[in-house]
Amino acid sequence: MTQAKMLKTPVGRELAYHYSKGSGPCVVFLGGLKSDMQGTKAVVLEDWAKAEGRAFLRFDYSGHGESSGRFEEGCIGDWHEDTLAVIDALTEGPLVVVGSSMGGWQALLLARARAERIAGLVTIAAAPDFTEDGYWASFTDAQKAALESIGHVELPSDYMEPYVITKRMIEDGREHLVLRSELPLPFPVRFLQGTDDSAVSVATAVRLLEHAEGPDMQLRLVKDADHRFSDERCLAMIVQAVKQVSGTV
């Protein structure tokens, strides 16, 4: 496996990335919370893109994978800054953006910030506004008090070690909500969601579909698929969705 390259952002973060040259639109993979660019979905998409001669980019947010910083220091706005820095520095022209879980929220933020560059969008178990509608909404009074007194709480995960959720992450998340105002997506969009996902509910996927506005938008529910969405069937669906929003099917 080739070694990751590093990009220094305008605010001084060091972000690890892999970029493969090819024809456009460039496919960009945005990973989930505490995930990294070595995950199955990112690598499979990269292999497909290389085989098709397509440009492809995957990277680690700050505090994730090989990039600088600690996860506990980051928040949605920081990772949005990382995404913009990588996109602006490393890519040109139209993009097909693939966002997984928290990366789905990042993809929607990117579509809002760089709408003129987005040619298509695919989300996988997208988790928009989860800091508010998931974490904050479910916190007990004791957890909310802990945020104020010690600045963080720890939450268990079905997929990895506990998440450390900071007061800053909650407060910053409120500055980046996408389901409280208009969300125009004027390009082909495919939302993919498993029915056996214990991290993101089908109701969240339906809410996103109903809230967003666009001329070519579909939600695809996959029976029994979990949050990883990484078995052969699901991986094939991701590639197919990328082809569809790229106009190559």
Protein backbone atom coordinates (compact mmCIF):
# COMPACT_ATOMS: atom_id res chain seq x y z
CA MET A 1 0.00 0.00 0.00
CA THR A 2 1.34 3.42 -0.91
CA GLN A 3 2.21 5.84 1.88
CA ALA A 4 -0.19 8.69 2.56
CA LYS A 5 0.81 12.21 1.60
CA MET A 6 0.34 15.12 3.97
CA LEU A 7 -1.36 18.46 3.43
CA LYS A 8 -0.85 21.40 5.78
CA THR A 9 -4.08 23.37 6.02
CA PRO A 10 -4.39 27.16 6.34
CA VAL A 11 -4.94 26.76 10.09
CA GLY A 12 -1.90 24.51 10.51
CA ARG A 13 -3.39 21.02 10.68
CA GLU A 14 -1.54 18.15 8.97
CA LEU A 15 -3.98 15.99 7.03
CA ALA A 16 -3.11 12.59 5.57
CA TYR A 17 -4.57 11.76 2.15
CA HIS A 18 -4.43 9.53 -0.90
CA TYR A 19 -5.20 11.08 -4.27
CA SER A 20 -5.33 9.16 -7.55
CA LYS A 21 -5.29 11.09 -10.81
CA GLY A 22 -7.84 10.33 -13.48
CA SER A 23 -10.80 11.67 -15.38
CA GLY A 24 -13.58 13.58 -13.67
CA PRO A 25 -15.74 14.12 -11.86
CA CYS A 26 -13.34 13.32 -9.03
CA VAL A 27 -14.86 10.93 -6.49
CA VAL A 28 -14.28 12.12 -2.91
CA PHE A 29 -14.87 9.85 0.08
CA LEU A 30 -15.76 11.42 3.44
CA GLY A 31 -15.49 9.01 6.35
CA GLY A 32 -17.41 8.70 9.58
CA LEU A 33 -16.79 9.73 13.17
CA LYS A 34 -13.58 8.10 14.46
CA SER A 35 -13.21 6.21 11.17
CA ASP A 36 -10.23 6.57 8.86
CA MET A 37 -9.47 6.42 5.16
CA GLN A 38 -8.30 2.80 5.38
CA GLY A 39 -11.86 1.54 5.81
CA THR A 40 -13.37 -1.01 3.46
CA LYS A 41 -15.74 1.38 1.69
CA ALA A 42 -13.02 3.95 0.96
CA VAL A 43 -10.53 1.38 -0.32
CA VAL A 44 -13.08 -0.47 -2.48
CA LEU A 45 -14.20 2.79 -4.06
CA GLU A 46 -10.58 3.74 -4.71
CA ASP A 47 -9.91 0.40 -6.40
CA TRP A 48 -13.01 0.86 -8.56
CA ALA A 49 -12.03 4.42 -9.47
CA LYS A 50 -8.51 3.38 -10.45
CA ALA A 51 -9.87 0.55 -12.62
CA GLU A 52 -12.19 3.03 -14.34
CA GLY A 53 -9.51 5.70 -14.75
CA ARG A 54 -11.43 8.05 -12.42
CA ALA A 55 -9.84 10.62 -10.14
CA PHE A 56 -10.30 9.70 -6.47
CA LEU A 57 -9.55 11.30 -3.10
CA ARG A 58 -9.74 9.94 0.44
CA PHE A 59 -8.31 11.56 3.56
CA ASP A 60 -8.32 11.59 7.36
CA TYR A 61 -9.89 14.46 9.27
CA SER A 62 -7.78 15.98 12.01
CA GLY A 63 -7.81 13.74 15.09
CA HIS A 64 -8.50 10.72 12.87
CA GLY A 65 -6.22 8.10 11.34
CA GLU A 66 -2.82 9.43 10.29
CA SER A 67 -3.69 13.12 10.52
CA SER A 68 -2.52 15.45 13.29
CA GLY A 69 -4.46 16.27 16.44
CA ARG A 70 -6.54 14.37 18.99
CA PHE A 71 -10.11 13.30 18.34
CA GLU A 72 -11.30 14.85 21.61
CA GLU A 73 -10.08 18.27 20.43
CA GLY A 74 -12.16 18.24 17.24
CA CYS A 75 -15.71 19.08 16.26
CA ILE A 76 -17.97 19.18 13.21
CA GLY A 77 -16.77 22.64 12.20
CA ASP A 78 -13.10 21.63 12.37
CA TRP A 79 -13.73 18.61 10.16
CA HIS A 80 -15.71 20.78 7.75
CA GLU A 81 -12.68 23.08 7.57
CA ASP A 82 -10.50 20.04 6.88
CA THR A 83 -12.81 18.92 4.08
CA LEU A 84 -12.79 22.33 2.42
CA ALA A 85 -9.00 22.59 2.75
CA VAL A 86 -8.42 19.23 1.09
CA ILE A 87 -10.99 19.83 -1.66
CA ASP A 88 -9.70 23.29 -2.48
CA ALA A 89 -6.04 22.33 -2.44
CA LEU A 90 -6.10 18.96 -4.19
CA THR A 91 -9.02 18.90 -6.63
CA GLU A 92 -10.33 20.87 -9.58
CA GLY A 93 -13.63 20.82 -11.41
CA PRO A 94 -16.75 18.79 -10.61
CA LEU A 95 -16.93 16.33 -7.73
CA VAL A 96 -18.95 13.26 -6.85
CA VAL A 97 -19.03 13.17 -3.07
CA VAL A 98 -19.57 9.98 -1.05
CA GLY A 99 -20.20 10.51 2.66
CA SER A 100 -20.52 7.76 5.27
CA SER A 101 -22.29 8.38 8.61
CA MET A 102 -20.82 11.63 9.98
CA GLY A 103 -19.28 11.96 6.53
CA GLY A 104 -22.83 12.22 5.22
CA TRP A 105 -23.29 15.36 7.33
CA GLN A 106 -19.92 16.61 6.07
CA ALA A 107 -21.03 15.92 2.49
CA LEU A 108 -24.15 18.03 3.01
CA LEU A 109 -22.05 20.85 4.49
CA LEU A 110 -19.71 20.59 1.52
CA ALA A 111 -22.65 20.73 -0.88
CA ARG A 112 -23.79 23.92 0.83
CA ALA A 113 -20.32 25.49 0.78
CA ARG A 114 -19.24 24.42 -2.72
CA ALA A 115 -22.57 23.85 -4.47
CA GLU A 116 -21.21 24.89 -7.84
CA ARG A 117 -18.69 22.04 -7.82
CA ILE A 118 -20.93 19.12 -6.85
CA ALA A 119 -21.95 16.89 -9.75
CA GLY A 120 -23.50 14.14 -7.60
CA LEU A 121 -23.88 12.99 -4.01
CA VAL A 122 -24.07 9.57 -2.35
CA THR A 123 -24.57 9.13 1.39
CA ILE A 124 -24.29 5.91 3.39
CA ALA A 125 -26.17 5.91 6.71
CA ALA A 126 -25.95 9.69 6.74
CA ALA A 127 -26.05 11.21 10.23
CA PRO A 128 -26.86 14.91 9.80
CA ASP A 129 -27.28 16.95 13.00
CA PHE A 130 -26.49 13.92 15.18
CA THR A 131 -24.77 15.98 17.87
CA GLU A 132 -28.11 17.70 18.56
CA ASP A 133 -30.76 15.14 17.57
CA GLY A 134 -28.81 12.08 18.71
CA TYR A 135 -26.45 12.99 21.52
CA TRP A 136 -27.95 16.09 23.15
CA ALA A 137 -31.55 14.91 22.76
CA SER A 138 -30.75 11.63 24.54
CA PHE A 139 -28.49 12.98 27.29
CA THR A 140 -29.72 12.60 30.84
CA ASP A 141 -29.68 15.51 33.25
CA ALA A 142 -26.56 13.97 34.79
CA GLN A 143 -24.79 13.84 31.43
CA LYS A 144 -25.72 17.44 30.65
CA ALA A 145 -24.39 18.43 34.06
CA ALA A 146 -21.15 16.54 33.34
CA LEU A 147 -20.72 18.49 30.10
CA GLU A 148 -20.88 21.69 32.11
CA SER A 149 -18.72 20.54 35.00
CA ILE A 150 -15.97 18.48 33.33
CA GLY A 151 -16.52 19.36 29.68
CA HIS A 152 -17.21 15.91 28.26
CA VAL A 153 -19.09 12.62 28.54
CA GLU A 154 -18.25 9.13 27.31
CA LEU A 155 -20.78 7.23 25.21
CA PRO A 156 -20.62 3.51 24.37
CA SER A 157 -20.43 2.41 20.74
CA ASP A 158 -21.55 -0.81 19.10
CA TYR A 159 -18.64 -0.54 16.66
CA MET A 160 -15.55 0.65 18.62
CA GLU A 161 -14.33 2.03 21.96
CA PRO A 162 -16.51 4.66 23.68
CA TYR A 163 -16.87 8.08 22.10
CA VAL A 164 -15.70 11.07 24.13
CA ILE A 165 -18.25 13.78 23.41
CA THR A 166 -17.18 17.26 24.44
CA LYS A 167 -19.16 20.36 25.27
CA ARG A 168 -17.41 22.05 22.36
CA MET A 169 -18.62 19.36 19.94
CA ILE A 170 -22.22 19.85 21.04
CA GLU A 171 -22.06 23.64 20.89
CA ASP A 172 -20.21 23.70 17.57
CA GLY A 173 -22.64 21.18 16.08
CA ARG A 174 -25.43 23.71 16.60
CA GLU A 175 -23.59 26.09 14.27
CA HIS A 176 -23.59 23.50 11.46
CA LEU A 177 -27.08 21.99 11.51
CA VAL A 178 -28.51 21.21 8.06
CA LEU A 179 -32.03 20.00 8.86
CA ARG A 180 -33.29 23.29 10.31
CA SER A 181 -33.14 25.39 7.14
CA GLU A 182 -33.45 24.90 3.40
CA LEU A 183 -31.19 22.18 2.01
CA PRO A 184 -31.05 22.44 -1.79
CA LEU A 185 -29.29 19.53 -3.53
CA PRO A 186 -29.63 20.44 -7.23
CA PHE A 187 -27.83 17.36 -8.58
CA PRO A 188 -28.37 13.58 -8.55
CA VAL A 189 -28.49 12.23 -4.98
CA ARG A 190 -28.67 8.69 -3.60
CA PHE A 191 -29.18 8.11 0.13
CA LEU A 192 -28.30 4.52 1.17
CA GLN A 193 -29.51 3.17 4.52
CA GLY A 194 -29.60 -0.23 6.21
CA THR A 195 -32.66 -1.28 8.17
CA ASP A 196 -30.52 -3.02 10.84
CA ASP A 197 -28.43 0.08 11.58
CA SER A 198 -28.14 0.61 15.34
CA ALA A 199 -26.35 3.97 14.99
CA VAL A 200 -28.55 5.78 12.45
CA SER A 201 -32.26 5.08 12.19
CA VAL A 202 -34.38 4.65 9.09
CA ALA A 203 -36.41 7.57 10.44
CA THR A 204 -33.32 9.79 10.14
CA ALA A 205 -32.88 8.77 6.51
CA VAL A 206 -36.54 9.48 5.74
CA ARG A 207 -36.32 12.86 7.49
CA LEU A 208 -33.33 13.79 5.34
CA LEU A 209 -35.11 12.71 2.17
CA GLU A 210 -38.21 14.70 3.05
CA HIS A 211 -36.27 17.79 4.12
CA ALA A 212 -33.81 18.12 1.24
CA GLU A 213 -34.88 19.56 -2.11
CA GLY A 214 -33.63 18.40 -5.49
CA PRO A 215 -34.69 17.13 -8.91
CA ASP A 216 -33.19 13.61 -8.68
CA MET A 217 -33.18 12.25 -5.16
CA GLN A 218 -33.69 8.66 -3.99
CA LEU A 219 -33.53 6.82 -0.67
CA ARG A 220 -32.60 3.15 -0.88
CA LEU A 221 -33.31 0.99 2.15
CA VAL A 222 -31.38 -2.26 2.38
CA LYS A 223 -33.01 -4.91 4.54
CA ASP A 224 -30.81 -6.27 7.35
CA ALA A 225 -27.80 -4.08 6.43
CA ASP A 226 -26.06 -2.60 9.47
CA HIS A 227 -24.19 0.66 9.99
CA ARG A 228 -20.99 -0.62 8.45
CA PHE A 229 -22.76 -1.19 5.11
CA SER A 230 -19.68 -3.08 3.95
CA ASP A 231 -20.68 -6.56 2.83
CA GLU A 232 -20.39 -7.42 -0.87
CA ARG A 233 -24.01 -6.53 -1.58
CA CYS A 234 -23.73 -3.13 0.04
CA LEU A 235 -20.38 -2.33 -1.53
CA ALA A 236 -21.81 -3.11 -4.97
CA MET A 237 -24.73 -0.78 -4.24
CA ILE A 238 -22.33 2.03 -3.32
CA VAL A 239 -20.42 1.66 -6.57
CA GLN A 240 -23.68 1.49 -8.53
CA ALA A 241 -24.93 4.66 -6.83
CA VAL A 242 -21.70 6.48 -7.69
CA LYS A 243 -22.11 5.43 -11.31
CA GLN A 244 -25.69 6.65 -11.34
CA VAL A 245 -25.01 10.11 -9.92
CA SER A 246 -22.04 10.38 -12.29
CA GLY A 247 -24.27 9.70 -15.26
CA THR A 248 -22.28 6.65 -16.35
CA VAL A 249 -25.13 4.11 -16.08
